[in-house]
Amino acid sequence: MKLTRRNLVQGSLAAPLALAATTAFADPTEEQCRAALVPHMDFPQLARYSDENARLLQSGAPVDAVFMGDSITEGWKDKRPGFFTNGRVDRGISGQTTPQMVLRMMSDVVALKPRAVHLMAGTNDIAGNTGPMTPEMTQNNFRAMSDIARRNGIRVILASIPPAAGFPWAPTIKTRQPIAEMNAWLKSYAAQTGAAWVDYHTVLDDGTGAMKPGLAVDGVHPTEAGYDAMATVVEPVLARVLRGSHRS
């Protein structure tokens, strides 16, 4: 069946009814109702890092850079936790798209008062994880995230979407051209707005728009070696950006 907005609405409305039917004549418990509605709650996953953010703020530890992104960012801390020291904070969430990240900017970035934010996103927009998206939609979300950061005195670092010959979870999606086109726009937008630009393709791309052998576990998500290669690209950019920023 083709997935449409009407299907989604009908499905969300039908979930509690189906739940009631499965409980015979008994009223569903509060827990059952909440479980049925979970997919429609907290779309941006604001709760994911809420406790960690509270602890970090309570500690008073200064934050130099927040890495906002999807599973590629989230996996960085899992595979190379040592990279996230000295004021670096990982706020990646697997599967997320840019509309979800826009909604997380205030709580997962601005509230932490970092000197810089590293934005790496777009893979899941192209894959259609939260529905079909045009390039302009993705670009507008990057504009929104960048504007939120700048208005709060946070330096912006825009990162290229890593190369991928295909997405295992969305095998019918063509990836090489959309990634290349979005990266060209991101590089141009960084230059227009004074954001720093990080091009991970210099170390990850095999020359065809795919990941180099050994640098990704599935052609998309970096291995330890992949993250090590990425670190060599971003470290000098981070150093330059942080030298040019000052805490208020």
C-alpha atoms as a PDB file:
ATOM      1  CA  MET A   1       0.000   0.000   0.000  1.00  0.00           C
ATOM      2  CA  LYS A   2       1.289   3.458  -0.863  1.00  0.00           C
ATOM      3  CA  LEU A   3       2.135   5.457   2.259  1.00  0.00           C
ATOM      4  CA  THR A   4       0.281   8.774   2.262  1.00  0.00           C
ATOM      5  CA  ARG A   5      -0.531  11.439   4.821  1.00  0.00           C
ATOM      6  CA  ARG A   6      -4.104  10.091   4.924  1.00  0.00           C
ATOM      7  CA  ASN A   7      -2.833   6.571   5.644  1.00  0.00           C
ATOM      8  CA  LEU A   8      -0.715   7.902   8.508  1.00  0.00           C
ATOM      9  CA  VAL A   9      -3.593   9.857  10.019  1.00  0.00           C
ATOM     10  CA  GLN A  10      -5.991   6.933   9.664  1.00  0.00           C
ATOM     11  CA  GLY A  11      -3.388   4.604  11.177  1.00  0.00           C
ATOM     12  CA  SER A  12      -2.808   6.858  14.161  1.00  0.00           C
ATOM     13  CA  LEU A  13      -6.536   7.128  14.790  1.00  0.00           C
ATOM     14  CA  ALA A  14      -7.048   3.401  14.381  1.00  0.00           C
ATOM     15  CA  ALA A  15      -4.304   2.418  16.829  1.00  0.00           C
ATOM     16  CA  PRO A  16      -6.265   3.151  20.018  1.00  0.00           C
ATOM     17  CA  LEU A  17      -9.373   1.504  18.536  1.00  0.00           C
ATOM     18  CA  ALA A  18      -7.454  -1.628  17.653  1.00  0.00           C
ATOM     19  CA  LEU A  19      -5.962  -1.632  21.125  1.00  0.00           C
ATOM     20  CA  ALA A  20      -9.404  -1.428  22.688  1.00  0.00           C
ATOM     21  CA  ALA A  21     -10.612  -4.333  20.562  1.00  0.00           C
ATOM     22  CA  THR A  22      -7.755  -6.539  21.712  1.00  0.00           C
ATOM     23  CA  THR A  23      -8.631  -5.962  25.363  1.00  0.00           C
ATOM     24  CA  ALA A  24     -12.122  -7.436  24.928  1.00  0.00           C
ATOM     25  CA  PHE A  25     -14.538  -5.305  26.920  1.00  0.00           C
ATOM     26  CA  ALA A  26     -11.965  -3.996  29.372  1.00  0.00           C
ATOM     27  CA  ASP A  27     -10.800  -0.403  29.145  1.00  0.00           C
ATOM     28  CA  PRO A  28      -7.149  -0.121  28.022  1.00  0.00           C
ATOM     29  CA  THR A  29      -4.694   0.857  30.700  1.00  0.00           C
ATOM     30  CA  GLU A  30      -2.864   4.172  30.624  1.00  0.00           C
ATOM     31  CA  GLU A  31       0.346   2.316  29.763  1.00  0.00           C
ATOM     32  CA  GLN A  32      -1.311   0.584  26.811  1.00  0.00           C
ATOM     33  CA  CYS A  33      -2.677   3.868  25.490  1.00  0.00           C
ATOM     34  CA  ARG A  34       0.716   5.520  25.740  1.00  0.00           C
ATOM     35  CA  ALA A  35       2.412   2.573  24.019  1.00  0.00           C
ATOM     36  CA  ALA A  36      -0.040   2.789  21.121  1.00  0.00           C
ATOM     37  CA  LEU A  37       0.666   6.485  20.669  1.00  0.00           C
ATOM     38  CA  VAL A  38       4.448   6.477  21.188  1.00  0.00           C
ATOM     39  CA  PRO A  39       5.265   6.677  17.444  1.00  0.00           C
ATOM     40  CA  HIS A  40       3.289   9.929  17.309  1.00  0.00           C
ATOM     41  CA  MET A  41       4.895  11.477  20.409  1.00  0.00           C
ATOM     42  CA  ASP A  42       8.143  13.449  20.673  1.00  0.00           C
ATOM     43  CA  PHE A  43       8.794  13.583  16.921  1.00  0.00           C
ATOM     44  CA  PRO A  44      12.171  15.331  17.368  1.00  0.00           C
ATOM     45  CA  GLN A  45      13.139  13.031  20.291  1.00  0.00           C
ATOM     46  CA  LEU A  46      13.719  15.898  22.676  1.00  0.00           C
ATOM     47  CA  ALA A  47      13.717  13.451  25.577  1.00  0.00           C
ATOM     48  CA  ARG A  48      16.701  11.537  24.227  1.00  0.00           C
ATOM     49  CA  TYR A  49      19.355  13.834  25.689  1.00  0.00           C
ATOM     50  CA  SER A  50      17.300  15.754  28.248  1.00  0.00           C
ATOM     51  CA  ASP A  51      18.888  14.053  31.274  1.00  0.00           C
ATOM     52  CA  GLU A  52      22.414  14.333  29.865  1.00  0.00           C
ATOM     53  CA  ASN A  53      21.850  17.998  29.068  1.00  0.00           C
ATOM     54  CA  ALA A  54      20.623  18.656  32.609  1.00  0.00           C
ATOM     55  CA  ARG A  55      23.663  16.954  34.120  1.00  0.00           C
ATOM     56  CA  LEU A  56      26.031  18.829  31.827  1.00  0.00           C
ATOM     57  CA  LEU A  57      24.470  22.181  32.688  1.00  0.00           C
ATOM     58  CA  GLN A  58      24.505  21.381  36.390  1.00  0.00           C
ATOM     59  CA  SER A  59      28.204  20.514  36.203  1.00  0.00           C
ATOM     60  CA  GLY A  60      29.055  23.934  34.823  1.00  0.00           C
ATOM     61  CA  ALA A  61      31.563  22.379  32.413  1.00  0.00           C
ATOM     62  CA  PRO A  62      32.248  24.631  29.409  1.00  0.00           C
ATOM     63  CA  VAL A  63      31.170  23.333  25.999  1.00  0.00           C
ATOM     64  CA  ASP A  64      33.356  24.122  23.020  1.00  0.00           C
ATOM     65  CA  ALA A  65      31.447  22.316  20.251  1.00  0.00           C
ATOM     66  CA  VAL A  66      28.211  20.376  19.907  1.00  0.00           C
ATOM     67  CA  PHE A  67      28.055  17.816  17.115  1.00  0.00           C
ATOM     68  CA  MET A  68      24.459  17.743  15.860  1.00  0.00           C
ATOM     69  CA  GLY A  69      23.506  14.968  13.471  1.00  0.00           C
ATOM     70  CA  ASP A  70      22.121  11.522  12.778  1.00  0.00           C
ATOM     71  CA  SER A  71      23.518   8.002  13.221  1.00  0.00           C
ATOM     72  CA  ILE A  72      26.820   8.957  11.612  1.00  0.00           C
ATOM     73  CA  THR A  73      27.339  11.510  14.381  1.00  0.00           C
ATOM     74  CA  GLU A  74      25.922   9.239  17.079  1.00  0.00           C
ATOM     75  CA  GLY A  75      28.201   6.384  16.005  1.00  0.00           C
ATOM     76  CA  TRP A  76      31.255   8.630  16.278  1.00  0.00           C
ATOM     77  CA  LYS A  77      31.047   8.680  20.075  1.00  0.00           C
ATOM     78  CA  ASP A  78      30.295   4.954  20.224  1.00  0.00           C
ATOM     79  CA  LYS A  79      33.337   4.006  18.149  1.00  0.00           C
ATOM     80  CA  ARG A  80      35.733   6.780  19.139  1.00  0.00           C
ATOM     81  CA  PRO A  81      34.639   8.115  22.560  1.00  0.00           C
ATOM     82  CA  GLY A  82      38.046   9.696  23.069  1.00  0.00           C
ATOM     83  CA  PHE A  83      37.256  12.235  20.372  1.00  0.00           C
ATOM     84  CA  PHE A  84      34.505  13.706  22.558  1.00  0.00           C
ATOM     85  CA  THR A  85      36.662  15.195  25.275  1.00  0.00           C
ATOM     86  CA  ASN A  86      37.865  18.720  25.898  1.00  0.00           C
ATOM     87  CA  GLY A  87      34.443  20.319  25.653  1.00  0.00           C
ATOM     88  CA  ARG A  88      33.084  18.337  22.693  1.00  0.00           C
ATOM     89  CA  VAL A  89      29.523  17.049  22.988  1.00  0.00           C
ATOM     90  CA  ASP A  90      27.824  14.483  20.738  1.00  0.00           C
ATOM     91  CA  ARG A  91      24.119  14.998  20.041  1.00  0.00           C
ATOM     92  CA  GLY A  92      23.557  12.606  17.155  1.00  0.00           C
ATOM     93  CA  ILE A  93      20.397  10.492  16.937  1.00  0.00           C
ATOM     94  CA  SER A  94      20.131   7.537  14.594  1.00  0.00           C
ATOM     95  CA  GLY A  95      17.663   7.904  11.741  1.00  0.00           C
ATOM     96  CA  GLN A  96      17.013  11.612  12.202  1.00  0.00           C
ATOM     97  CA  THR A  97      16.259  14.068   9.447  1.00  0.00           C
ATOM     98  CA  THR A  98      16.870  17.811   9.349  1.00  0.00           C
ATOM     99  CA  PRO A  99      13.295  18.786  10.374  1.00  0.00           C
ATOM    100  CA  GLN A 100      13.784  16.833  13.585  1.00  0.00           C
ATOM    101  CA  MET A 101      17.156  18.479  14.197  1.00  0.00           C
ATOM    102  CA  VAL A 102      15.725  21.965  13.749  1.00  0.00           C
ATOM    103  CA  LEU A 103      13.376  21.212  16.633  1.00  0.00           C
ATOM    104  CA  ARG A 104      16.294  20.000  18.780  1.00  0.00           C
ATOM    105  CA  MET A 105      18.504  23.040  18.251  1.00  0.00           C
ATOM    106  CA  MET A 106      17.342  24.977  21.305  1.00  0.00           C
ATOM    107  CA  SER A 107      17.530  22.135  23.833  1.00  0.00           C
ATOM    108  CA  ASP A 108      20.452  20.122  22.479  1.00  0.00           C
ATOM    109  CA  VAL A 109      22.639  22.978  21.235  1.00  0.00           C
ATOM    110  CA  VAL A 110      21.709  26.509  22.317  1.00  0.00           C
ATOM    111  CA  ALA A 111      20.935  25.572  25.934  1.00  0.00           C
ATOM    112  CA  LEU A 112      24.446  24.136  26.306  1.00  0.00           C
ATOM    113  CA  LYS A 113      26.008  27.484  25.293  1.00  0.00           C
ATOM    114  CA  PRO A 114      28.696  26.033  23.025  1.00  0.00           C
ATOM    115  CA  ARG A 115      31.167  28.161  21.121  1.00  0.00           C
ATOM    116  CA  ALA A 116      30.461  26.212  17.915  1.00  0.00           C
ATOM    117  CA  VAL A 117      28.057  23.680  16.425  1.00  0.00           C
ATOM    118  CA  HIS A 118      29.025  21.033  13.875  1.00  0.00           C
ATOM    119  CA  LEU A 119      26.055  20.273  11.612  1.00  0.00           C
ATOM    120  CA  MET A 120      26.219  17.058   9.608  1.00  0.00           C
ATOM    121  CA  ALA A 121      22.887  15.917   8.209  1.00  0.00           C
ATOM    122  CA  GLY A 122      21.000  15.143   5.024  1.00  0.00           C
ATOM    123  CA  THR A 123      21.598  11.418   4.588  1.00  0.00           C
ATOM    124  CA  ASN A 124      18.187  10.547   6.011  1.00  0.00           C
ATOM    125  CA  ASP A 125      16.478  13.418   4.184  1.00  0.00           C
ATOM    126  CA  ILE A 126      17.599  11.852   0.908  1.00  0.00           C
ATOM    127  CA  ALA A 127      16.475   8.439   2.173  1.00  0.00           C
ATOM    128  CA  GLY A 128      13.042   9.846   3.063  1.00  0.00           C
ATOM    129  CA  ASN A 129      13.112   8.615   6.660  1.00  0.00           C
ATOM    130  CA  THR A 130      10.371  11.004   7.788  1.00  0.00           C
ATOM    131  CA  GLY A 131       8.679  11.317   4.435  1.00  0.00           C
ATOM    132  CA  PRO A 132       9.580  12.619   0.974  1.00  0.00           C
ATOM    133  CA  MET A 133      11.700  15.774   0.992  1.00  0.00           C
ATOM    134  CA  THR A 134      12.855  18.089  -1.749  1.00  0.00           C
ATOM    135  CA  PRO A 135      16.401  19.517  -1.725  1.00  0.00           C
ATOM    136  CA  GLU A 136      14.906  22.928  -0.944  1.00  0.00           C
ATOM    137  CA  MET A 137      13.274  21.553   2.203  1.00  0.00           C
ATOM    138  CA  THR A 138      16.628  20.260   3.421  1.00  0.00           C
ATOM    139  CA  GLN A 139      18.331  23.530   2.510  1.00  0.00           C
ATOM    140  CA  ASN A 140      15.727  25.536   4.410  1.00  0.00           C
ATOM    141  CA  ASN A 141      16.330  23.408   7.484  1.00  0.00           C
ATOM    142  CA  PHE A 142      20.066  24.033   7.270  1.00  0.00           C
ATOM    143  CA  ARG A 143      19.278  27.744   6.957  1.00  0.00           C
ATOM    144  CA  ALA A 144      17.069  27.543  10.053  1.00  0.00           C
ATOM    145  CA  MET A 145      19.646  25.676  12.150  1.00  0.00           C
ATOM    146  CA  SER A 146      22.415  28.039  11.073  1.00  0.00           C
ATOM    147  CA  ASP A 147      20.278  31.079  11.843  1.00  0.00           C
ATOM    148  CA  ILE A 148      19.382  29.777  15.307  1.00  0.00           C
ATOM    149  CA  ALA A 149      23.059  29.211  16.051  1.00  0.00           C
ATOM    150  CA  ARG A 150      24.219  32.597  14.786  1.00  0.00           C
ATOM    151  CA  ARG A 151      21.487  34.469  16.657  1.00  0.00           C
ATOM    152  CA  ASN A 152      22.790  32.869  19.842  1.00  0.00           C
ATOM    153  CA  GLY A 153      26.429  33.676  19.220  1.00  0.00           C
ATOM    154  CA  ILE A 154      27.377  30.150  18.163  1.00  0.00           C
ATOM    155  CA  ARG A 155      29.840  29.630  15.315  1.00  0.00           C
ATOM    156  CA  VAL A 156      28.559  27.295  12.575  1.00  0.00           C
ATOM    157  CA  ILE A 157      30.530  24.430  11.063  1.00  0.00           C
ATOM    158  CA  LEU A 158      28.804  22.839   8.073  1.00  0.00           C
ATOM    159  CA  ALA A 159      29.944  19.340   7.193  1.00  0.00           C
ATOM    160  CA  SER A 160      29.538  17.463   3.939  1.00  0.00           C
ATOM    161  CA  ILE A 161      27.174  14.518   3.738  1.00  0.00           C
ATOM    162  CA  PRO A 162      29.469  11.462   3.683  1.00  0.00           C
ATOM    163  CA  PRO A 163      29.624   9.474   0.432  1.00  0.00           C
ATOM    164  CA  ALA A 164      27.374   6.458  -0.092  1.00  0.00           C
ATOM    165  CA  ALA A 165      26.782   4.213  -3.073  1.00  0.00           C
ATOM    166  CA  GLY A 166      23.406   3.293  -1.621  1.00  0.00           C
ATOM    167  CA  PHE A 167      21.372   3.100   1.572  1.00  0.00           C
ATOM    168  CA  PRO A 168      20.762  -0.449   2.905  1.00  0.00           C
ATOM    169  CA  TRP A 169      17.484   0.630   4.546  1.00  0.00           C
ATOM    170  CA  ALA A 170      16.251   2.385   1.367  1.00  0.00           C
ATOM    171  CA  PRO A 171      17.676   0.314  -1.503  1.00  0.00           C
ATOM    172  CA  THR A 172      15.651   1.988  -4.272  1.00  0.00           C
ATOM    173  CA  ILE A 173      16.989   5.470  -3.503  1.00  0.00           C
ATOM    174  CA  LYS A 174      19.677   6.858  -5.800  1.00  0.00           C
ATOM    175  CA  THR A 175      22.334   8.442  -3.629  1.00  0.00           C
ATOM    176  CA  ARG A 176      25.421   9.658  -5.464  1.00  0.00           C
ATOM    177  CA  GLN A 177      23.946  12.610  -7.369  1.00  0.00           C
ATOM    178  CA  PRO A 178      21.685  13.911  -4.562  1.00  0.00           C
ATOM    179  CA  ILE A 179      24.596  13.797  -2.108  1.00  0.00           C
ATOM    180  CA  ALA A 180      26.924  15.561  -4.533  1.00  0.00           C
ATOM    181  CA  GLU A 181      24.362  18.258  -5.299  1.00  0.00           C
ATOM    182  CA  MET A 182      23.532  18.898  -1.644  1.00  0.00           C
ATOM    183  CA  ASN A 183      27.204  19.074  -0.750  1.00  0.00           C
ATOM    184  CA  ALA A 184      27.797  21.629  -3.509  1.00  0.00           C
ATOM    185  CA  TRP A 185      24.983  23.736  -2.050  1.00  0.00           C
ATOM    186  CA  LEU A 186      26.286  23.350   1.512  1.00  0.00           C
ATOM    187  CA  LYS A 187      29.771  24.462   0.492  1.00  0.00           C
ATOM    188  CA  SER A 188      28.325  27.493  -1.290  1.00  0.00           C
ATOM    189  CA  TYR A 189      26.038  28.332   1.632  1.00  0.00           C
ATOM    190  CA  ALA A 190      28.955  28.105   4.068  1.00  0.00           C
ATOM    191  CA  ALA A 191      30.906  30.588   1.959  1.00  0.00           C
ATOM    192  CA  GLN A 192      27.921  32.951   1.722  1.00  0.00           C
ATOM    193  CA  THR A 193      27.249  32.979   5.472  1.00  0.00           C
ATOM    194  CA  GLY A 194      30.773  32.796   6.857  1.00  0.00           C
ATOM    195  CA  ALA A 195      30.334  29.303   8.245  1.00  0.00           C
ATOM    196  CA  ALA A 196      33.288  26.937   8.362  1.00  0.00           C
ATOM    197  CA  TRP A 197      33.202  24.115   5.797  1.00  0.00           C
ATOM    198  CA  VAL A 198      34.343  20.550   6.464  1.00  0.00           C
ATOM    199  CA  ASP A 199      34.634  18.291   3.421  1.00  0.00           C
ATOM    200  CA  TYR A 200      34.879  14.682   4.571  1.00  0.00           C
ATOM    201  CA  HIS A 201      34.866  13.444   0.975  1.00  0.00           C
ATOM    202  CA  THR A 202      38.562  14.169   0.738  1.00  0.00           C
ATOM    203  CA  VAL A 203      39.273  11.175   2.964  1.00  0.00           C
ATOM    204  CA  LEU A 204      36.153   8.997   2.605  1.00  0.00           C
ATOM    205  CA  ASP A 205      35.237   9.021  -1.112  1.00  0.00           C
ATOM    206  CA  ASP A 206      36.656   6.266  -3.310  1.00  0.00           C
ATOM    207  CA  GLY A 207      36.367   8.555  -6.330  1.00  0.00           C
ATOM    208  CA  THR A 208      32.963   7.263  -7.433  1.00  0.00           C
ATOM    209  CA  GLY A 209      30.775   8.709  -4.682  1.00  0.00           C
ATOM    210  CA  ALA A 210      31.050   5.584  -2.532  1.00  0.00           C
ATOM    211  CA  MET A 211      32.923   4.959   0.705  1.00  0.00           C
ATOM    212  CA  LYS A 212      36.476   3.681   0.466  1.00  0.00           C
ATOM    213  CA  PRO A 213      36.836  -0.008   1.393  1.00  0.00           C
ATOM    214  CA  GLY A 214      37.315  -0.468   5.115  1.00  0.00           C
ATOM    215  CA  LEU A 215      35.976   2.944   6.097  1.00  0.00           C
ATOM    216  CA  ALA A 216      32.294   1.969   6.499  1.00  0.00           C
ATOM    217  CA  VAL A 217      30.578  -1.077   7.940  1.00  0.00           C
ATOM    218  CA  ASP A 218      27.695  -0.978   5.440  1.00  0.00           C
ATOM    219  CA  GLY A 219      28.755   1.584   2.879  1.00  0.00           C
ATOM    220  CA  VAL A 220      27.245   4.390   4.973  1.00  0.00           C
ATOM    221  CA  HIS A 221      28.239   4.225   8.644  1.00  0.00           C
ATOM    222  CA  PRO A 222      31.961   4.735   9.323  1.00  0.00           C
ATOM    223  CA  THR A 223      34.191   2.192  10.985  1.00  0.00           C
ATOM    224  CA  GLU A 224      36.754   3.194  13.601  1.00  0.00           C
ATOM    225  CA  ALA A 225      39.178   3.830  10.748  1.00  0.00           C
ATOM    226  CA  GLY A 226      36.556   5.960   9.003  1.00  0.00           C
ATOM    227  CA  TYR A 227      36.097   8.154  12.060  1.00  0.00           C
ATOM    228  CA  ASP A 228      39.852   8.446  12.484  1.00  0.00           C
ATOM    229  CA  ALA A 229      40.071   9.718   8.908  1.00  0.00           C
ATOM    230  CA  MET A 230      37.256  12.190   9.535  1.00  0.00           C
ATOM    231  CA  ALA A 231      39.012  13.477  12.645  1.00  0.00           C
ATOM    232  CA  THR A 232      42.071  14.434  10.616  1.00  0.00           C
ATOM    233  CA  VAL A 233      39.844  16.694   8.502  1.00  0.00           C
ATOM    234  CA  VAL A 234      37.778  18.335  11.231  1.00  0.00           C
ATOM    235  CA  GLU A 235      40.456  18.842  13.900  1.00  0.00           C
ATOM    236  CA  PRO A 236      42.180  21.776  12.167  1.00  0.00           C
ATOM    237  CA  VAL A 237      38.805  23.345  11.326  1.00  0.00           C
ATOM    238  CA  LEU A 238      37.685  23.097  14.942  1.00  0.00           C
ATOM    239  CA  ALA A 239      40.942  24.605  16.139  1.00  0.00           C
ATOM    240  CA  ARG A 240      40.596  27.524  13.724  1.00  0.00           C
ATOM    241  CA  VAL A 241      36.944  28.173  14.585  1.00  0.00           C
ATOM    242  CA  LEU A 242      37.525  28.038  18.331  1.00  0.00           C
ATOM    243  CA  ARG A 243      40.516  30.358  18.102  1.00  0.00           C
ATOM    244  CA  GLY A 244      38.234  32.892  16.476  1.00  0.00           C
ATOM    245  CA  SER A 245      35.469  32.643  19.073  1.00  0.00           C
ATOM    246  CA  HIS A 246      35.303  33.935  22.614  1.00  0.00           C
ATOM    247  CA  ARG A 247      33.112  33.006  25.529  1.00  0.00           C
ATOM    248  CA  SER A 248      30.703  35.649  26.726  1.00  0.00           C
END
